[in-house]
mmCIF file of all heavy atoms, coordinates in Angstrom:
data_MODEL
# 
_entry.id   MODEL 
# 
loop_
_atom_site.group_PDB 
_atom_site.id 
_atom_site.type_symbol 
_atom_site.label_atom_id 
_atom_site.label_alt_id 
_atom_site.label_comp_id 
_atom_site.label_asym_id 
_atom_site.label_entity_id 
_atom_site.label_seq_id 
_atom_site.pdbx_PDB_ins_code 
_atom_site.Cartn_x 
_atom_site.Cartn_y 
_atom_site.Cartn_z 
_atom_site.occupancy 
_atom_site.B_iso_or_equiv 
_atom_site.pdbx_formal_charge 
_atom_site.auth_seq_id 
_atom_site.auth_comp_id 
_atom_site.auth_asym_id 
_atom_site.auth_atom_id 
_atom_site.pdbx_PDB_model_num 
ATOM 1   N N   . GLN A 1 1  ? -61.332 292.092 -51.903 1.00 0.00 ? 1  GLN A N   1 
ATOM 2   C CA  . GLN A 1 1  ? -61.596 292.957 -50.758 1.00 0.00 ? 1  GLN A CA  1 
ATOM 3   C C   . GLN A 1 1  ? -61.813 292.144 -49.478 1.00 0.00 ? 1  GLN A C   1 
ATOM 4   O O   . GLN A 1 1  ? -62.673 292.435 -48.662 1.00 0.00 ? 1  GLN A O   1 
ATOM 5   C CB  . GLN A 1 1  ? -62.817 293.852 -51.033 1.00 0.00 ? 1  GLN A CB  1 
ATOM 6   C CG  . GLN A 1 1  ? -62.618 294.833 -52.172 1.00 0.00 ? 1  GLN A CG  1 
ATOM 7   C CD  . GLN A 1 1  ? -61.572 295.891 -51.853 1.00 0.00 ? 1  GLN A CD  1 
ATOM 8   O OE1 . GLN A 1 1  ? -61.786 296.770 -51.018 1.00 0.00 ? 1  GLN A OE1 1 
ATOM 9   N NE2 . GLN A 1 1  ? -60.418 295.814 -52.508 1.00 0.00 ? 1  GLN A NE2 1 
ATOM 10  N N   . ARG A 1 2  ? -61.018 291.073 -49.336 1.00 0.00 ? 2  ARG A N   1 
ATOM 11  C CA  . ARG A 1 2  ? -61.077 290.216 -48.144 1.00 0.00 ? 2  ARG A CA  1 
ATOM 12  C C   . ARG A 1 2  ? -59.664 289.811 -47.759 1.00 0.00 ? 2  ARG A C   1 
ATOM 13  O O   . ARG A 1 2  ? -58.737 289.856 -48.585 1.00 0.00 ? 2  ARG A O   1 
ATOM 14  C CB  . ARG A 1 2  ? -61.903 288.952 -48.411 1.00 0.00 ? 2  ARG A CB  1 
ATOM 15  C CG  . ARG A 1 2  ? -63.362 289.224 -48.766 1.00 0.00 ? 2  ARG A CG  1 
ATOM 16  C CD  . ARG A 1 2  ? -64.106 287.903 -48.939 1.00 0.00 ? 2  ARG A CD  1 
ATOM 17  N NE  . ARG A 1 2  ? -65.463 288.097 -49.412 1.00 0.00 ? 2  ARG A NE  1 
ATOM 18  C CZ  . ARG A 1 2  ? -66.503 288.398 -48.654 1.00 0.00 ? 2  ARG A CZ  1 
ATOM 19  N NH1 . ARG A 1 2  ? -66.329 288.552 -47.352 1.00 0.00 ? 2  ARG A NH1 1 
ATOM 20  N NH2 . ARG A 1 2  ? -67.703 288.534 -49.181 1.00 0.00 ? 2  ARG A NH2 1 
ATOM 21  N N   . ASN A 1 3  ? -59.497 289.391 -46.514 1.00 0.00 ? 3  ASN A N   1 
ATOM 22  C CA  . ASN A 1 3  ? -58.209 288.862 -46.065 1.00 0.00 ? 3  ASN A CA  1 
ATOM 23  C C   . ASN A 1 3  ? -58.019 287.456 -46.631 1.00 0.00 ? 3  ASN A C   1 
ATOM 24  O O   . ASN A 1 3  ? -58.883 286.586 -46.465 1.00 0.00 ? 3  ASN A O   1 
ATOM 25  C CB  . ASN A 1 3  ? -58.136 288.831 -44.543 1.00 0.00 ? 3  ASN A CB  1 
ATOM 26  C CG  . ASN A 1 3  ? -58.077 290.216 -43.943 1.00 0.00 ? 3  ASN A CG  1 
ATOM 27  O OD1 . ASN A 1 3  ? -57.509 291.124 -44.543 1.00 0.00 ? 3  ASN A OD1 1 
ATOM 28  N ND2 . ASN A 1 3  ? -58.669 290.394 -42.768 1.00 0.00 ? 3  ASN A ND2 1 
ATOM 29  N N   . VAL A 1 4  ? -56.888 287.243 -47.274 1.00 0.00 ? 4  VAL A N   1 
ATOM 30  C CA  . VAL A 1 4  ? -56.630 285.984 -47.973 1.00 0.00 ? 4  VAL A CA  1 
ATOM 31  C C   . VAL A 1 4  ? -55.292 285.413 -47.509 1.00 0.00 ? 4  VAL A C   1 
ATOM 32  O O   . VAL A 1 4  ? -54.314 286.148 -47.343 1.00 0.00 ? 4  VAL A O   1 
ATOM 33  C CB  . VAL A 1 4  ? -56.600 286.195 -49.503 1.00 0.00 ? 4  VAL A CB  1 
ATOM 34  C CG1 . VAL A 1 4  ? -56.260 284.887 -50.219 1.00 0.00 ? 4  VAL A CG1 1 
ATOM 35  C CG2 . VAL A 1 4  ? -57.931 286.735 -49.999 1.00 0.00 ? 4  VAL A CG2 1 
ATOM 36  N N   . THR A 1 5  ? -55.250 284.108 -47.292 1.00 0.00 ? 5  THR A N   1 
ATOM 37  C CA  . THR A 1 5  ? -54.018 283.405 -46.926 1.00 0.00 ? 5  THR A CA  1 
ATOM 38  C C   . THR A 1 5  ? -53.706 282.367 -47.994 1.00 0.00 ? 5  THR A C   1 
ATOM 39  O O   . THR A 1 5  ? -54.588 281.593 -48.382 1.00 0.00 ? 5  THR A O   1 
ATOM 40  C CB  . THR A 1 5  ? -54.160 282.708 -45.564 1.00 0.00 ? 5  THR A CB  1 
ATOM 41  O OG1 . THR A 1 5  ? -54.533 283.675 -44.582 1.00 0.00 ? 5  THR A OG1 1 
ATOM 42  C CG2 . THR A 1 5  ? -52.850 282.054 -45.150 1.00 0.00 ? 5  THR A CG2 1 
ATOM 43  N N   . VAL A 1 6  ? -52.463 282.352 -48.449 1.00 0.00 ? 6  VAL A N   1 
ATOM 44  C CA  . VAL A 1 6  ? -52.043 281.422 -49.499 1.00 0.00 ? 6  VAL A CA  1 
ATOM 45  C C   . VAL A 1 6  ? -50.673 280.858 -49.132 1.00 0.00 ? 6  VAL A C   1 
ATOM 46  O O   . VAL A 1 6  ? -49.817 281.583 -48.632 1.00 0.00 ? 6  VAL A O   1 
ATOM 47  C CB  . VAL A 1 6  ? -51.945 282.111 -50.883 1.00 0.00 ? 6  VAL A CB  1 
ATOM 48  C CG1 . VAL A 1 6  ? -51.758 281.070 -51.984 1.00 0.00 ? 6  VAL A CG1 1 
ATOM 49  C CG2 . VAL A 1 6  ? -53.160 282.970 -51.160 1.00 0.00 ? 6  VAL A CG2 1 
ATOM 50  N N   . SER A 1 7  ? -50.492 279.564 -49.384 1.00 0.00 ? 7  SER A N   1 
ATOM 51  C CA  . SER A 1 7  ? -49.168 278.958 -49.247 1.00 0.00 ? 7  SER A CA  1 
ATOM 52  C C   . SER A 1 7  ? -48.810 278.278 -50.564 1.00 0.00 ? 7  SER A C   1 
ATOM 53  O O   . SER A 1 7  ? -49.666 278.057 -51.414 1.00 0.00 ? 7  SER A O   1 
ATOM 54  C CB  . SER A 1 7  ? -49.149 277.926 -48.107 1.00 0.00 ? 7  SER A CB  1 
ATOM 55  O OG  . SER A 1 7  ? -49.930 276.797 -48.444 1.00 0.00 ? 7  SER A OG  1 
ATOM 56  N N   . ASP A 1 8  ? -47.531 277.966 -50.720 1.00 0.00 ? 8  ASP A N   1 
ATOM 57  C CA  . ASP A 1 8  ? -47.078 277.359 -51.971 1.00 0.00 ? 8  ASP A CA  1 
ATOM 58  C C   . ASP A 1 8  ? -47.773 276.035 -52.254 1.00 0.00 ? 8  ASP A C   1 
ATOM 59  O O   . ASP A 1 8  ? -48.038 275.694 -53.406 1.00 0.00 ? 8  ASP A O   1 
ATOM 60  C CB  . ASP A 1 8  ? -45.559 277.143 -51.932 1.00 0.00 ? 8  ASP A CB  1 
ATOM 61  C CG  . ASP A 1 8  ? -44.799 278.465 -51.933 1.00 0.00 ? 8  ASP A CG  1 
ATOM 62  O OD1 . ASP A 1 8  ? -45.357 279.456 -52.448 1.00 0.00 ? 8  ASP A OD1 1 
ATOM 63  O OD2 . ASP A 1 8  ? -43.669 278.510 -51.410 1.00 0.00 ? 8  ASP A OD2 1 
ATOM 64  N N   . LYS A 1 9  ? -48.075 275.275 -51.202 1.00 0.00 ? 9  LYS A N   1 
ATOM 65  C CA  . LYS A 1 9  ? -48.699 273.974 -51.403 1.00 0.00 ? 9  LYS A CA  1 
ATOM 66  C C   . LYS A 1 9  ? -50.164 274.074 -51.828 1.00 0.00 ? 9  LYS A C   1 
ATOM 67  O O   . LYS A 1 9  ? -50.776 273.076 -52.197 1.00 0.00 ? 9  LYS A O   1 
ATOM 68  C CB  . LYS A 1 9  ? -48.593 273.139 -50.121 1.00 0.00 ? 9  LYS A CB  1 
ATOM 69  C CG  . LYS A 1 9  ? -47.189 272.660 -49.822 1.00 0.00 ? 9  LYS A CG  1 
ATOM 70  C CD  . LYS A 1 9  ? -47.171 271.696 -48.660 1.00 0.00 ? 9  LYS A CD  1 
ATOM 71  C CE  . LYS A 1 9  ? -45.768 271.163 -48.417 1.00 0.00 ? 9  LYS A CE  1 
ATOM 72  N NZ  . LYS A 1 9  ? -45.715 270.180 -47.298 1.00 0.00 ? 9  LYS A NZ  1 
ATOM 73  N N   . MET A 1 10 ? -50.716 275.275 -51.753 1.00 0.00 ? 10 MET A N   1 
ATOM 74  C CA  . MET A 1 10 ? -52.119 275.451 -52.119 1.00 0.00 ? 10 MET A CA  1 
ATOM 75  C C   . MET A 1 10 ? -52.293 275.740 -53.608 1.00 0.00 ? 10 MET A C   1 
ATOM 76  O O   . MET A 1 10 ? -53.400 275.888 -54.099 1.00 0.00 ? 10 MET A O   1 
ATOM 77  C CB  . MET A 1 10 ? -52.723 276.584 -51.291 1.00 0.00 ? 10 MET A CB  1 
ATOM 78  C CG  . MET A 1 10 ? -52.697 276.306 -49.789 1.00 0.00 ? 10 MET A CG  1 
ATOM 79  S SD  . MET A 1 10 ? -52.976 277.773 -48.761 1.00 0.00 ? 10 MET A SD  1 
ATOM 80  C CE  . MET A 1 10 ? -54.731 277.998 -48.919 1.00 0.00 ? 10 MET A CE  1 
ATOM 81  N N   . CYS A 1 11 ? -51.162 275.884 -54.342 1.00 0.00 ? 11 CYS A N   1 
ATOM 82  C CA  . CYS A 1 11 ? -51.216 276.202 -55.767 1.00 0.00 ? 11 CYS A CA  1 
ATOM 83  C C   . CYS A 1 11 ? -50.663 275.044 -56.593 1.00 0.00 ? 11 CYS A C   1 
ATOM 84  O O   . CYS A 1 11 ? -49.670 274.422 -56.214 1.00 0.00 ? 11 CYS A O   1 
ATOM 85  C CB  . CYS A 1 11 ? -50.421 277.472 -56.055 1.00 0.00 ? 11 CYS A CB  1 
ATOM 86  S SG  . CYS A 1 11 ? -51.108 278.956 -55.263 1.00 0.00 ? 11 CYS A SG  1 
ATOM 87  N N   . GLN A 1 12 ? -51.305 274.773 -57.727 1.00 0.00 ? 12 GLN A N   1 
ATOM 88  C CA  . GLN A 1 12 ? -50.911 273.677 -58.598 1.00 0.00 ? 12 GLN A CA  1 
ATOM 89  C C   . GLN A 1 12 ? -50.809 274.155 -60.030 1.00 0.00 ? 12 GLN A C   1 
ATOM 90  O O   . GLN A 1 12 ? -51.659 274.899 -60.514 1.00 0.00 ? 12 GLN A O   1 
ATOM 91  C CB  . GLN A 1 12 ? -51.931 272.540 -58.538 1.00 0.00 ? 12 GLN A CB  1 
ATOM 92  C CG  . GLN A 1 12 ? -52.171 271.978 -57.154 1.00 0.00 ? 12 GLN A CG  1 
ATOM 93  C CD  . GLN A 1 12 ? -53.182 270.859 -57.173 1.00 0.00 ? 12 GLN A CD  1 
ATOM 94  O OE1 . GLN A 1 12 ? -53.012 269.870 -57.883 1.00 0.00 ? 12 GLN A OE1 1 
ATOM 95  N NE2 . GLN A 1 12 ? -54.252 271.008 -56.410 1.00 0.00 ? 12 GLN A NE2 1 
ATOM 96  N N   . LEU A 1 13 ? -49.768 273.684 -60.717 1.00 0.00 ? 13 LEU A N   1 
ATOM 97  C CA  . LEU A 1 13 ? -49.591 273.961 -62.132 1.00 0.00 ? 13 LEU A CA  1 
ATOM 98  C C   . LEU A 1 13 ? -50.186 272.831 -62.955 1.00 0.00 ? 13 LEU A C   1 
ATOM 99  O O   . LEU A 1 13 ? -50.350 271.708 -62.475 1.00 0.00 ? 13 LEU A O   1 
ATOM 100 C CB  . LEU A 1 13 ? -48.106 274.098 -62.469 1.00 0.00 ? 13 LEU A CB  1 
ATOM 101 C CG  . LEU A 1 13 ? -47.331 275.229 -61.791 1.00 0.00 ? 13 LEU A CG  1 
ATOM 102 C CD1 . LEU A 1 13 ? -45.856 275.095 -62.109 1.00 0.00 ? 13 LEU A CD1 1 
ATOM 103 C CD2 . LEU A 1 13 ? -47.853 276.575 -62.221 1.00 0.00 ? 13 LEU A CD2 1 
ATOM 104 N N   . SER A 1 14 ? -50.474 273.120 -64.185 1.00 0.00 ? 14 SER A N   1 
ATOM 105 C CA  . SER A 1 14 ? -50.930 272.077 -65.094 1.00 0.00 ? 14 SER A CA  1 
ATOM 106 C C   . SER A 1 14 ? -49.776 271.133 -65.372 1.00 0.00 ? 14 SER A C   1 
ATOM 107 O O   . SER A 1 14 ? -48.621 271.549 -65.493 1.00 0.00 ? 14 SER A O   1 
ATOM 108 C CB  . SER A 1 14 ? -51.429 272.686 -66.403 1.00 0.00 ? 14 SER A CB  1 
ATOM 109 O OG  . SER A 1 14 ? -51.685 271.684 -67.358 1.00 0.00 ? 14 SER A OG  1 
ATOM 110 N N   . THR A 1 15 ? -50.054 269.830 -65.471 1.00 0.00 ? 15 THR A N   1 
ATOM 111 C CA  . THR A 1 15 ? -49.001 268.848 -65.754 1.00 0.00 ? 15 THR A CA  1 
ATOM 112 C C   . THR A 1 15 ? -48.382 269.091 -67.125 1.00 0.00 ? 15 THR A C   1 
ATOM 113 O O   . THR A 1 15 ? -47.250 268.695 -67.373 1.00 0.00 ? 15 THR A O   1 
ATOM 114 C CB  . THR A 1 15 ? -49.563 267.422 -65.696 1.00 0.00 ? 15 THR A CB  1 
ATOM 115 O OG1 . THR A 1 15 ? -50.699 267.327 -66.577 1.00 0.00 ? 15 THR A OG1 1 
ATOM 116 C CG2 . THR A 1 15 ? -49.994 267.070 -64.297 1.00 0.00 ? 15 THR A CG2 1 
ATOM 117 N N   . SER A 1 16 ? -49.126 269.741 -68.030 1.00 0.00 ? 16 SER A N   1 
ATOM 118 C CA  . SER A 1 16 ? -48.577 270.043 -69.354 1.00 0.00 ? 16 SER A CA  1 
ATOM 119 C C   . SER A 1 16 ? -47.468 271.080 -69.288 1.00 0.00 ? 16 SER A C   1 
ATOM 120 O O   . SER A 1 16 ? -46.695 271.243 -70.223 1.00 0.00 ? 16 SER A O   1 
ATOM 121 C CB  . SER A 1 16 ? -49.689 270.543 -70.287 1.00 0.00 ? 16 SER A CB  1 
ATOM 122 O OG  . SER A 1 16 ? -50.255 271.751 -69.786 1.00 0.00 ? 16 SER A OG  1 
ATOM 123 N N   . ASN A 1 17 ? -47.386 271.801 -68.172 1.00 0.00 ? 17 ASN A N   1 
ATOM 124 C CA  . ASN A 1 17 ? -46.333 272.800 -68.007 1.00 0.00 ? 17 ASN A CA  1 
ATOM 125 C C   . ASN A 1 17 ? -45.080 272.230 -67.365 1.00 0.00 ? 17 ASN A C   1 
ATOM 126 O O   . ASN A 1 17 ? -44.200 272.963 -66.946 1.00 0.00 ? 17 ASN A O   1 
ATOM 127 C CB  . ASN A 1 17 ? -46.845 273.973 -67.159 1.00 0.00 ? 17 ASN A CB  1 
ATOM 128 C CG  . ASN A 1 17 ? -47.894 274.773 -67.890 1.00 0.00 ? 17 ASN A CG  1 
ATOM 129 O OD1 . ASN A 1 17 ? -47.867 274.859 -69.111 1.00 0.00 ? 17 ASN A OD1 1 
ATOM 130 N ND2 . ASN A 1 17 ? -48.829 275.357 -67.151 1.00 0.00 ? 17 ASN A ND2 1 
ATOM 131 N N   . GLY A 1 18 ? -45.035 270.892 -67.238 1.00 0.00 ? 18 GLY A N   1 
ATOM 132 C CA  . GLY A 1 18 ? -43.837 270.253 -66.711 1.00 0.00 ? 18 GLY A CA  1 
ATOM 133 C C   . GLY A 1 18 ? -43.715 270.297 -65.214 1.00 0.00 ? 18 GLY A C   1 
ATOM 134 O O   . GLY A 1 18 ? -42.618 270.232 -64.671 1.00 0.00 ? 18 GLY A O   1 
ATOM 135 N N   . SER A 1 19 ? -44.826 270.426 -64.492 1.00 0.00 ? 19 SER A N   1 
ATOM 136 C CA  . SER A 1 19 ? -44.759 270.484 -63.037 1.00 0.00 ? 19 SER A CA  1 
ATOM 137 C C   . SER A 1 19 ? -44.466 269.122 -62.426 1.00 0.00 ? 19 SER A C   1 
ATOM 138 O O   . SER A 1 19 ? -44.089 269.026 -61.274 1.00 0.00 ? 19 SER A O   1 
ATOM 139 C CB  . SER A 1 19 ? -46.078 271.033 -62.470 1.00 0.00 ? 19 SER A CB  1 
ATOM 140 O OG  . SER A 1 19 ? -47.154 270.195 -62.843 1.00 0.00 ? 19 SER A OG  1 
ATOM 141 N N   . ARG A 1 20 ? -44.649 268.055 -63.200 1.00 0.00 ? 20 ARG A N   1 
ATOM 142 C CA  . ARG A 1 20 ? -44.373 266.711 -62.707 1.00 0.00 ? 20 ARG A CA  1 
ATOM 143 C C   . ARG A 1 20 ? -43.416 266.018 -63.660 1.00 0.00 ? 20 ARG A C   1 
ATOM 144 O O   . ARG A 1 20 ? -43.624 266.005 -64.873 1.00 0.00 ? 20 ARG A O   1 
ATOM 145 C CB  . ARG A 1 20 ? -45.661 265.905 -62.575 1.00 0.00 ? 20 ARG A CB  1 
ATOM 146 C CG  . ARG A 1 20 ? -46.630 266.465 -61.539 1.00 0.00 ? 20 ARG A CG  1 
ATOM 147 C CD  . ARG A 1 20 ? -47.899 265.656 -61.480 1.00 0.00 ? 20 ARG A CD  1 
ATOM 148 N NE  . ARG A 1 20 ? -48.879 266.276 -60.587 1.00 0.00 ? 20 ARG A NE  1 
ATOM 149 C CZ  . ARG A 1 20 ? -50.122 265.850 -60.445 1.00 0.00 ? 20 ARG A CZ  1 
ATOM 150 N NH1 . ARG A 1 20 ? -50.553 264.810 -61.135 1.00 0.00 ? 20 ARG A NH1 1 
ATOM 151 N NH2 . ARG A 1 20 ? -50.951 266.460 -59.624 1.00 0.00 ? 20 ARG A NH2 1 
ATOM 152 N N   . THR A 1 21 ? -42.384 265.439 -63.120 1.00 0.00 ? 21 THR A N   1 
ATOM 153 C CA  . THR A 1 21 ? -41.405 264.721 -63.916 1.00 0.00 ? 21 THR A CA  1 
ATOM 154 C C   . THR A 1 21 ? -41.204 263.340 -63.317 1.00 0.00 ? 21 THR A C   1 
ATOM 155 O O   . THR A 1 21 ? -41.526 263.095 -62.152 1.00 0.00 ? 21 THR A O   1 
ATOM 156 C CB  . THR A 1 21 ? -40.059 265.471 -63.936 1.00 0.00 ? 21 THR A CB  1 
ATOM 157 O OG1 . THR A 1 21 ? -39.604 265.645 -62.579 1.00 0.00 ? 21 THR A OG1 1 
ATOM 158 C CG2 . THR A 1 21 ? -40.216 266.835 -64.592 1.00 0.00 ? 21 THR A CG2 1 
ATOM 159 N N   . ILE A 1 22 ? -40.662 262.434 -64.117 1.00 0.00 ? 22 ILE A N   1 
ATOM 160 C CA  . ILE A 1 22 ? -40.395 261.070 -63.661 1.00 0.00 ? 22 ILE A CA  1 
ATOM 161 C C   . ILE A 1 22 ? -39.017 261.043 -63.015 1.00 0.00 ? 22 ILE A C   1 
ATOM 162 O O   . ILE A 1 22 ? -38.000 261.282 -63.673 1.00 0.00 ? 22 ILE A O   1 
ATOM 163 C CB  . ILE A 1 22 ? -40.483 260.079 -64.831 1.00 0.00 ? 22 ILE A CB  1 
ATOM 164 C CG1 . ILE A 1 22 ? -41.897 260.064 -65.400 1.00 0.00 ? 22 ILE A CG1 1 
ATOM 165 C CG2 . ILE A 1 22 ? -40.079 258.679 -64.378 1.00 0.00 ? 22 ILE A CG2 1 
ATOM 166 C CD1 . ILE A 1 22 ? -42.081 259.132 -66.573 1.00 0.00 ? 22 ILE A CD1 1 
ATOM 167 N N   . SER A 1 23 ? -38.993 260.749 -61.733 1.00 0.00 ? 23 SER A N   1 
ATOM 168 C CA  . SER A 1 23 ? -37.733 260.707 -60.986 1.00 0.00 ? 23 SER A CA  1 
ATOM 169 C C   . SER A 1 23 ? -37.094 259.328 -61.114 1.00 0.00 ? 23 SER A C   1 
ATOM 170 O O   . SER A 1 23 ? -37.692 258.380 -61.645 1.00 0.00 ? 23 SER A O   1 
ATOM 171 C CB  . SER A 1 23 ? -37.987 261.022 -59.514 1.00 0.00 ? 23 SER A CB  1 
ATOM 172 O OG  . SER A 1 23 ? -38.804 260.017 -58.929 1.00 0.00 ? 23 SER A OG  1 
ATOM 173 N N   . ILE A 1 24 ? -35.872 259.222 -60.621 1.00 0.00 ? 24 ILE A N   1 
ATOM 174 C CA  . ILE A 1 24 ? -35.171 257.931 -60.645 1.00 0.00 ? 24 ILE A CA  1 
ATOM 175 C C   . ILE A 1 24 ? -35.926 256.906 -59.807 1.00 0.00 ? 24 ILE A C   1 
ATOM 176 O O   . ILE A 1 24 ? -36.053 255.739 -60.188 1.00 0.00 ? 24 ILE A O   1 
ATOM 177 C CB  . ILE A 1 24 ? -33.729 258.103 -60.121 1.00 0.00 ? 24 ILE A CB  1 
ATOM 178 C CG1 . ILE A 1 24 ? -32.937 259.024 -61.059 1.00 0.00 ? 24 ILE A CG1 1 
ATOM 179 C CG2 . ILE A 1 24 ? -33.037 256.752 -59.981 1.00 0.00 ? 24 ILE A CG2 1 
ATOM 180 C CD1 . ILE A 1 24 ? -31.535 259.344 -60.568 1.00 0.00 ? 24 ILE A CD1 1 
ATOM 181 N N   . GLY A 1 25 ? -36.436 257.351 -58.653 1.00 0.00 ? 25 GLY A N   1 
ATOM 182 C CA  . GLY A 1 25 ? -37.201 256.437 -57.803 1.00 0.00 ? 25 GLY A CA  1 
ATOM 183 C C   . GLY A 1 25 ? -38.459 255.937 -58.482 1.00 0.00 ? 25 GLY A C   1 
ATOM 184 O O   . GLY A 1 25 ? -38.809 254.757 -58.374 1.00 0.00 ? 25 GLY A O   1 
ATOM 185 N N   . MET A 1 26 ? -39.158 256.817 -59.191 1.00 0.00 ? 26 MET A N   1 
ATOM 186 C CA  . MET A 1 26 ? -40.364 256.414 -59.913 1.00 0.00 ? 26 MET A CA  1 
ATOM 187 C C   . MET A 1 26 ? -40.025 255.412 -61.003 1.00 0.00 ? 26 MET A C   1 
ATOM 188 O O   . MET A 1 26 ? -40.735 254.421 -61.207 1.00 0.00 ? 26 MET A O   1 
ATOM 189 C CB  . MET A 1 26 ? -41.049 257.642 -60.510 1.00 0.00 ? 26 MET A CB  1 
ATOM 190 C CG  . MET A 1 26 ? -41.625 258.590 -59.473 1.00 0.00 ? 26 MET A CG  1 
ATOM 191 S SD  . MET A 1 26 ? -42.092 260.192 -60.150 1.00 0.00 ? 26 MET A SD  1 
ATOM 192 C CE  . MET A 1 26 ? -43.435 259.719 -61.227 1.00 0.00 ? 26 MET A CE  1 
# 
């Protein structure tokens, strides 16, 4: 019951869900 602002960068997934992968640069 309040005004809320959210952006994509404000949300994080668990690393177990594959939100982070090893890139070629890494």
